[in-house]
């Protein structure tokens, strides 16, 4: 594997892990639906890079605009 491939895998894993942490924090705050949404996005992020990050940003933007 190349160095660029290793970096790509590392970033993909970091994005997935950070989305899982965001999901756990949502559940701890009592926002179960948001937590499930982010957990699903984290699972999808393992296949499609960036989905978890996008979901987290969209959720935060939604809360800010509401």
PDB file of N, CA and C in Angstrom:
ATOM      1  N   UNK A   1       0.844  -1.175   0.000  1.00  0.00           N
ATOM      2  CA  UNK A   1       0.000   0.000   0.000  1.00  0.00           C
ATOM      3  C   UNK A   1       0.888   1.237   0.000  1.00  0.00           C
ATOM      4  N   UNK A   2       0.406   2.287  -0.608  1.00  0.00           N
ATOM      5  CA  UNK A   2       1.189   3.516  -0.704  1.00  0.00           C
ATOM      6  C   UNK A   2       0.974   4.388   0.527  1.00  0.00           C
ATOM      7  N   UNK A   3       1.821   5.378   0.647  1.00  0.00           N
ATOM      8  CA  UNK A   3       1.701   6.314   1.764  1.00  0.00           C
ATOM      9  C   UNK A   3       0.377   7.069   1.664  1.00  0.00           C
ATOM     10  N   UNK A   4       0.001   7.469   0.443  1.00  0.00           N
ATOM     11  CA  UNK A   4      -1.268   8.180   0.256  1.00  0.00           C
ATOM     12  C   UNK A   4      -2.444   7.288   0.645  1.00  0.00           C
ATOM     13  N   UNK A   5      -2.363   6.008   0.324  1.00  0.00           N
ATOM     14  CA  UNK A   5      -3.418   5.072   0.704  1.00  0.00           C
ATOM     15  C   UNK A   5      -3.510   4.905   2.199  1.00  0.00           C
ATOM     16  N   UNK A   6      -2.359   4.867   2.875  1.00  0.00           N
ATOM     17  CA  UNK A   6      -2.345   4.760   4.335  1.00  0.00           C
ATOM     18  C   UNK A   6      -2.974   6.000   4.972  1.00  0.00           C
ATOM     19  N   UNK A   7      -2.660   7.162   4.448  1.00  0.00           N
ATOM     20  CA  UNK A   7      -3.232   8.405   4.976  1.00  0.00           C
ATOM     21  C   UNK A   7      -4.738   8.441   4.767  1.00  0.00           C
ATOM     22  N   UNK A   8      -5.172   7.983   3.600  1.00  0.00           N
ATOM     23  CA  UNK A   8      -6.593   7.959   3.295  1.00  0.00           C
ATOM     24  C   UNK A   8      -7.347   7.047   4.265  1.00  0.00           C
ATOM     25  N   UNK A   9      -6.793   5.882   4.529  1.00  0.00           N
ATOM     26  CA  UNK A   9      -7.420   4.949   5.477  1.00  0.00           C
ATOM     27  C   UNK A   9      -7.448   5.534   6.879  1.00  0.00           C
ATOM     28  N   UNK A  10      -6.376   6.198   7.269  1.00  0.00           N
ATOM     29  CA  UNK A  10      -6.310   6.807   8.600  1.00  0.00           C
ATOM     30  C   UNK A  10      -7.361   7.906   8.751  1.00  0.00           C
ATOM     31  N   UNK A  11      -7.508   8.751   7.734  1.00  0.00           N
ATOM     32  CA  UNK A  11      -8.498   9.823   7.788  1.00  0.00           C
ATOM     33  C   UNK A  11      -9.913   9.261   7.785  1.00  0.00           C
ATOM     34  N   UNK A  12     -10.139   8.210   7.002  1.00  0.00           N
ATOM     35  CA  UNK A  12     -11.459   7.590   6.957  1.00  0.00           C
ATOM     36  C   UNK A  12     -11.817   7.013   8.322  1.00  0.00           C
ATOM     37  N   UNK A  13     -10.870   6.339   8.946  1.00  0.00           N
ATOM     38  CA  UNK A  13     -11.110   5.768  10.273  1.00  0.00           C
ATOM     39  C   UNK A  13     -11.313   6.853  11.319  1.00  0.00           C
ATOM     40  N   UNK A  14     -10.560   7.929  11.233  1.00  0.00           N
ATOM     41  CA  UNK A  14     -10.704   9.031  12.189  1.00  0.00           C
ATOM     42  C   UNK A  14     -12.075   9.678  12.057  1.00  0.00           C
ATOM     43  N   UNK A  15     -12.551   9.838  10.844  1.00  0.00           N
ATOM     44  CA  UNK A  15     -13.871  10.414  10.615  1.00  0.00           C
ATOM     45  C   UNK A  15     -14.956   9.514  11.196  1.00  0.00           C
ATOM     46  N   UNK A  16     -14.838   8.224  10.990  1.00  0.00           N
ATOM     47  CA  UNK A  16     -15.815   7.278  11.511  1.00  0.00           C
ATOM     48  C   UNK A  16     -15.818   7.285  13.032  1.00  0.00           C
ATOM     49  N   UNK A  17     -14.643   7.266  13.628  1.00  0.00           N
ATOM     50  CA  UNK A  17     -14.539   7.262  15.089  1.00  0.00           C
ATOM     51  C   UNK A  17     -15.088   8.554  15.675  1.00  0.00           C
ATOM     52  N   UNK A  18     -14.791   9.694  15.061  1.00  0.00           N
ATOM     53  CA  UNK A  18     -15.291  10.964  15.595  1.00  0.00           C
ATOM     54  C   UNK A  18     -16.814  11.039  15.485  1.00  0.00           C
ATOM     55  N   UNK A  19     -17.381  10.450  14.446  1.00  0.00           N
ATOM     56  CA  UNK A  19     -18.836  10.434  14.310  1.00  0.00           C
ATOM     57  C   UNK A  19     -19.469   9.527  15.365  1.00  0.00           C
ATOM     58  N   UNK A  20     -18.823   8.425  15.677  1.00  0.00           N
ATOM     59  CA  UNK A  20     -19.313   7.539  16.739  1.00  0.00           C
ATOM     60  C   UNK A  20     -19.269   8.257  18.083  1.00  0.00           C
ATOM     61  N   UNK A  21     -18.207   9.012  18.315  1.00  0.00           N
ATOM     62  CA  UNK A  21     -18.102   9.779  19.565  1.00  0.00           C
ATOM     63  C   UNK A  21     -19.209  10.841  19.617  1.00  0.00           C
ATOM     64  N   UNK A  22     -19.465  11.523  18.499  1.00  0.00           N
ATOM     65  CA  UNK A  22     -20.556  12.500  18.443  1.00  0.00           C
ATOM     66  C   UNK A  22     -21.897  11.830  18.740  1.00  0.00           C
ATOM     67  N   UNK A  23     -22.097  10.627  18.195  1.00  0.00           N
ATOM     68  CA  UNK A  23     -23.340   9.887  18.439  1.00  0.00           C
ATOM     69  C   UNK A  23     -23.486   9.550  19.914  1.00  0.00           C
ATOM     70  N   UNK A  24     -22.414   9.113  20.538  1.00  0.00           N
ATOM     71  CA  UNK A  24     -22.457   8.782  21.968  1.00  0.00           C
ATOM     72  C   UNK A  24     -22.767  10.022  22.805  1.00  0.00           C
ATOM     73  N   UNK A  25     -22.194  11.144  22.445  1.00  0.00           N
ATOM     74  CA  UNK A  25     -22.452  12.383  23.179  1.00  0.00           C
ATOM     75  C   UNK A  25     -23.914  12.815  23.038  1.00  0.00           C
ATOM     76  N   UNK A  26     -24.485  12.608  21.881  1.00  0.00           N
ATOM     77  CA  UNK A  26     -25.891  12.934  21.679  1.00  0.00           C
ATOM     78  C   UNK A  26     -26.781  12.067  22.571  1.00  0.00           C
ATOM     79  N   UNK A  27     -26.471  10.796  22.652  1.00  0.00           N
ATOM     80  CA  UNK A  27     -27.253   9.888  23.499  1.00  0.00           C
ATOM     81  C   UNK A  27     -27.120  10.286  24.962  1.00  0.00           C
ATOM     82  N   UNK A  28     -25.912  10.629  25.389  1.00  0.00           N
ATOM     83  CA  UNK A  28     -25.686  11.050  26.772  1.00  0.00           C
ATOM     84  C   UNK A  28     -26.502  12.311  27.087  1.00  0.00           C
ATOM     85  N   UNK A  29     -26.635  13.201  26.105  1.00  0.00           N
ATOM     86  CA  UNK A  29     -27.402  14.434  26.303  1.00  0.00           C
ATOM     87  C   UNK A  29     -28.913  14.201  26.226  1.00  0.00           C
ATOM     88  N   UNK A  30     -29.311  12.965  25.946  1.00  0.00           N
ATOM     89  CA  UNK A  30     -30.734  12.646  25.877  1.00  0.00           C
ATOM     90  C   UNK A  30     -31.340  12.780  24.500  1.00  0.00           C
ATOM     91  N   UNK A  31     -30.532  12.978  23.501  1.00  0.00           N
ATOM     92  CA  UNK A  31     -31.007  13.120  22.117  1.00  0.00           C
ATOM     93  C   UNK A  31     -30.805  11.797  21.387  1.00  0.00           C
ATOM     94  N   UNK A  32     -31.666  10.835  21.675  1.00  0.00           N
ATOM     95  CA  UNK A  32     -31.491   9.488  21.126  1.00  0.00           C
ATOM     96  C   UNK A  32     -31.632   9.442  19.613  1.00  0.00           C
ATOM     97  N   UNK A  33     -32.593  10.181  19.072  1.00  0.00           N
ATOM     98  CA  UNK A  33     -32.803  10.172  17.626  1.00  0.00           C
ATOM     99  C   UNK A  33     -31.587  10.723  16.884  1.00  0.00           C
ATOM    100  N   UNK A  34     -31.031  11.803  17.397  1.00  0.00           N
ATOM    101  CA  UNK A  34     -29.817  12.371  16.785  1.00  0.00           C
ATOM    102  C   UNK A  34     -28.654  11.393  16.904  1.00  0.00           C
ATOM    103  N   UNK A  35     -28.574  10.718  18.043  1.00  0.00           N
ATOM    104  CA  UNK A  35     -27.522   9.728  18.240  1.00  0.00           C
ATOM    105  C   UNK A  35     -27.631   8.577  17.254  1.00  0.00           C
ATOM    106  N   UNK A  36     -28.856   8.111  17.040  1.00  0.00           N
ATOM    107  CA  UNK A  36     -29.064   7.032  16.067  1.00  0.00           C
ATOM    108  C   UNK A  36     -28.742   7.495  14.649  1.00  0.00           C
ATOM    109  N   UNK A  37     -29.125   8.731  14.341  1.00  0.00           N
ATOM    110  CA  UNK A  37     -28.812   9.300  13.030  1.00  0.00           C
ATOM    111  C   UNK A  37     -27.300   9.327  12.792  1.00  0.00           C
ATOM    112  N   UNK A  38     -26.568   9.790  13.795  1.00  0.00           N
ATOM    113  CA  UNK A  38     -25.110   9.870  13.657  1.00  0.00           C
ATOM    114  C   UNK A  38     -24.470   8.484  13.646  1.00  0.00           C
ATOM    115  N   UNK A  39     -25.032   7.561  14.396  1.00  0.00           N
ATOM    116  CA  UNK A  39     -24.497   6.196  14.388  1.00  0.00           C
ATOM    117  C   UNK A  39     -24.681   5.555  13.015  1.00  0.00           C
ATOM    118  N   UNK A  40     -25.837   5.781  12.411  1.00  0.00           N
ATOM    119  CA  UNK A  40     -26.067   5.295  11.048  1.00  0.00           C
ATOM    120  C   UNK A  40     -25.122   5.953  10.056  1.00  0.00           C
ATOM    121  N   UNK A  41     -24.886   7.237  10.234  1.00  0.00           N
ATOM    122  CA  UNK A  41     -23.958   7.949   9.356  1.00  0.00           C
ATOM    123  C   UNK A  41     -22.541   7.421   9.527  1.00  0.00           C
ATOM    124  N   UNK A  42     -22.172   7.054  10.752  1.00  0.00           N
ATOM    125  CA  UNK A  42     -20.840   6.486  10.992  1.00  0.00           C
ATOM    126  C   UNK A  42     -20.700   5.144  10.287  1.00  0.00           C
ATOM    127  N   UNK A  43     -21.748   4.333  10.346  1.00  0.00           N
ATOM    128  CA  UNK A  43     -21.708   3.042   9.655  1.00  0.00           C
ATOM    129  C   UNK A  43     -21.586   3.238   8.147  1.00  0.00           C
ATOM    130  N   UNK A  44     -22.324   4.193   7.626  1.00  0.00           N
ATOM    131  CA  UNK A  44     -22.248   4.478   6.196  1.00  0.00           C
ATOM    132  C   UNK A  44     -20.905   5.105   5.829  1.00  0.00           C
ATOM    133  N   UNK A  45     -20.335   5.837   6.757  1.00  0.00           N
ATOM    134  CA  UNK A  45     -19.051   6.486   6.529  1.00  0.00           C
ATOM    135  C   UNK A  45     -17.920   5.488   6.335  1.00  0.00           C
ATOM    136  N   UNK A  46     -18.090   4.291   6.872  1.00  0.00           N
ATOM    137  CA  UNK A  46     -17.047   3.276   6.664  1.00  0.00           C
ATOM    138  C   UNK A  46     -17.003   2.837   5.202  1.00  0.00           C
ATOM    139  N   UNK A  47     -18.105   3.033   4.477  1.00  0.00           N
ATOM    140  CA  UNK A  47     -18.158   2.706   3.051  1.00  0.00           C
ATOM    141  C   UNK A  47     -17.949   3.930   2.164  1.00  0.00           C
ATOM    142  N   UNK A  48     -18.529   5.050   2.582  1.00  0.00           N
ATOM    143  CA  UNK A  48     -18.455   6.285   1.795  1.00  0.00           C
ATOM    144  C   UNK A  48     -17.801   7.357   2.668  1.00  0.00           C
ATOM    145  N   UNK A  49     -16.538   7.655   2.416  1.00  0.00           N
ATOM    146  CA  UNK A  49     -15.821   8.626   3.257  1.00  0.00           C
ATOM    147  C   UNK A  49     -16.497   9.993   3.269  1.00  0.00           C
ATOM    148  N   UNK A  50     -16.556  10.589   4.451  1.00  0.00           N
ATOM    149  CA  UNK A  50     -17.087  11.932   4.583  1.00  0.00           C
ATOM    150  C   UNK A  50     -18.551  12.019   4.946  1.00  0.00           C
ATOM    151  N   UNK A  51     -19.276  10.914   4.870  1.00  0.00           N
ATOM    152  CA  UNK A  51     -20.705  10.945   5.177  1.00  0.00           C
ATOM    153  C   UNK A  51     -20.938  11.285   6.649  1.00  0.00           C
ATOM    154  N   UNK A  52     -20.140  10.718   7.527  1.00  0.00           N
ATOM    155  CA  UNK A  52     -20.294  10.991   8.956  1.00  0.00           C
ATOM    156  C   UNK A  52     -20.027  12.444   9.293  1.00  0.00           C
ATOM    157  N   UNK A  53     -19.001  12.992   8.707  1.00  0.00           N
ATOM    158  CA  UNK A  53     -18.673  14.398   8.939  1.00  0.00           C
ATOM    159  C   UNK A  53     -19.778  15.295   8.399  1.00  0.00           C
ATOM    160  N   UNK A  54     -20.267  14.987   7.213  1.00  0.00           N
ATOM    161  CA  UNK A  54     -21.345  15.776   6.625  1.00  0.00           C
ATOM    162  C   UNK A  54     -22.605  15.703   7.483  1.00  0.00           C
ATOM    163  N   UNK A  55     -22.932  14.526   7.989  1.00  0.00           N
ATOM    164  CA  UNK A  55     -24.119  14.371   8.833  1.00  0.00           C
ATOM    165  C   UNK A  55     -23.976  15.180  10.119  1.00  0.00           C
ATOM    166  N   UNK A  56     -22.811  15.149  10.702  1.00  0.00           N
ATOM    167  CA  UNK A  56     -22.571  15.902  11.926  1.00  0.00           C
ATOM    168  C   UNK A  56     -22.707  17.407  11.671  1.00  0.00           C
ATOM    169  N   UNK A  57     -22.158  17.884  10.575  1.00  0.00           N
ATOM    170  CA  UNK A  57     -22.263  19.305  10.235  1.00  0.00           C
ATOM    171  C   UNK A  57     -23.706  19.700   9.945  1.00  0.00           C
ATOM    172  N   UNK A  58     -24.431  18.848   9.228  1.00  0.00           N
ATOM    173  CA  UNK A  58     -25.834  19.143   8.936  1.00  0.00           C
ATOM    174  C   UNK A  58     -26.671  19.194  10.209  1.00  0.00           C
ATOM    175  N   UNK A  59     -26.420  18.295  11.134  1.00  0.00           N
ATOM    176  CA  UNK A  59     -27.155  18.275  12.390  1.00  0.00           C
ATOM    177  C   UNK A  59     -26.889  19.549  13.193  1.00  0.00           C
ATOM    178  N   UNK A  60     -25.639  19.963  13.229  1.00  0.00           N
ATOM    179  CA  UNK A  60     -25.305  21.199  13.946  1.00  0.00           C
ATOM    180  C   UNK A  60     -25.910  22.427  13.284  1.00  0.00           C
ATOM    181  N   UNK A  61     -25.897  22.477  11.957  1.00  0.00           N
ATOM    182  CA  UNK A  61     -26.491  23.598  11.228  1.00  0.00           C
ATOM    183  C   UNK A  61     -28.002  23.624  11.456  1.00  0.00           C
ATOM    184  N   UNK A  62     -28.636  22.471  11.449  1.00  0.00           N
ATOM    185  CA  UNK A  62     -30.081  22.382  11.694  1.00  0.00           C
ATOM    186  C   UNK A  62     -30.422  22.940  13.069  1.00  0.00           C
ATOM    187  N   UNK A  63     -29.656  22.565  14.058  1.00  0.00           N
ATOM    188  CA  UNK A  63     -29.911  23.047  15.428  1.00  0.00           C
ATOM    189  C   UNK A  63     -29.715  24.562  15.529  1.00  0.00           C
ATOM    190  N   UNK A  64     -28.721  25.066  14.841  1.00  0.00           N
ATOM    191  CA  UNK A  64     -28.422  26.493  14.902  1.00  0.00           C
ATOM    192  C   UNK A  64     -29.519  27.315  14.221  1.00  0.00           C
ATOM    193  N   UNK A  65     -30.072  26.791  13.123  1.00  0.00           N
ATOM    194  CA  UNK A  65     -31.074  27.516  12.357  1.00  0.00           C
ATOM    195  C   UNK A  65     -32.482  27.359  12.909  1.00  0.00           C
ATOM    196  N   UNK A  66     -32.700  26.411  13.751  1.00  0.00           N
ATOM    197  CA  UNK A  66     -34.030  26.107  14.267  1.00  0.00           C
ATOM    198  C   UNK A  66     -34.503  27.121  15.234  1.00  0.00           C
TER     199      UNK A  66
END
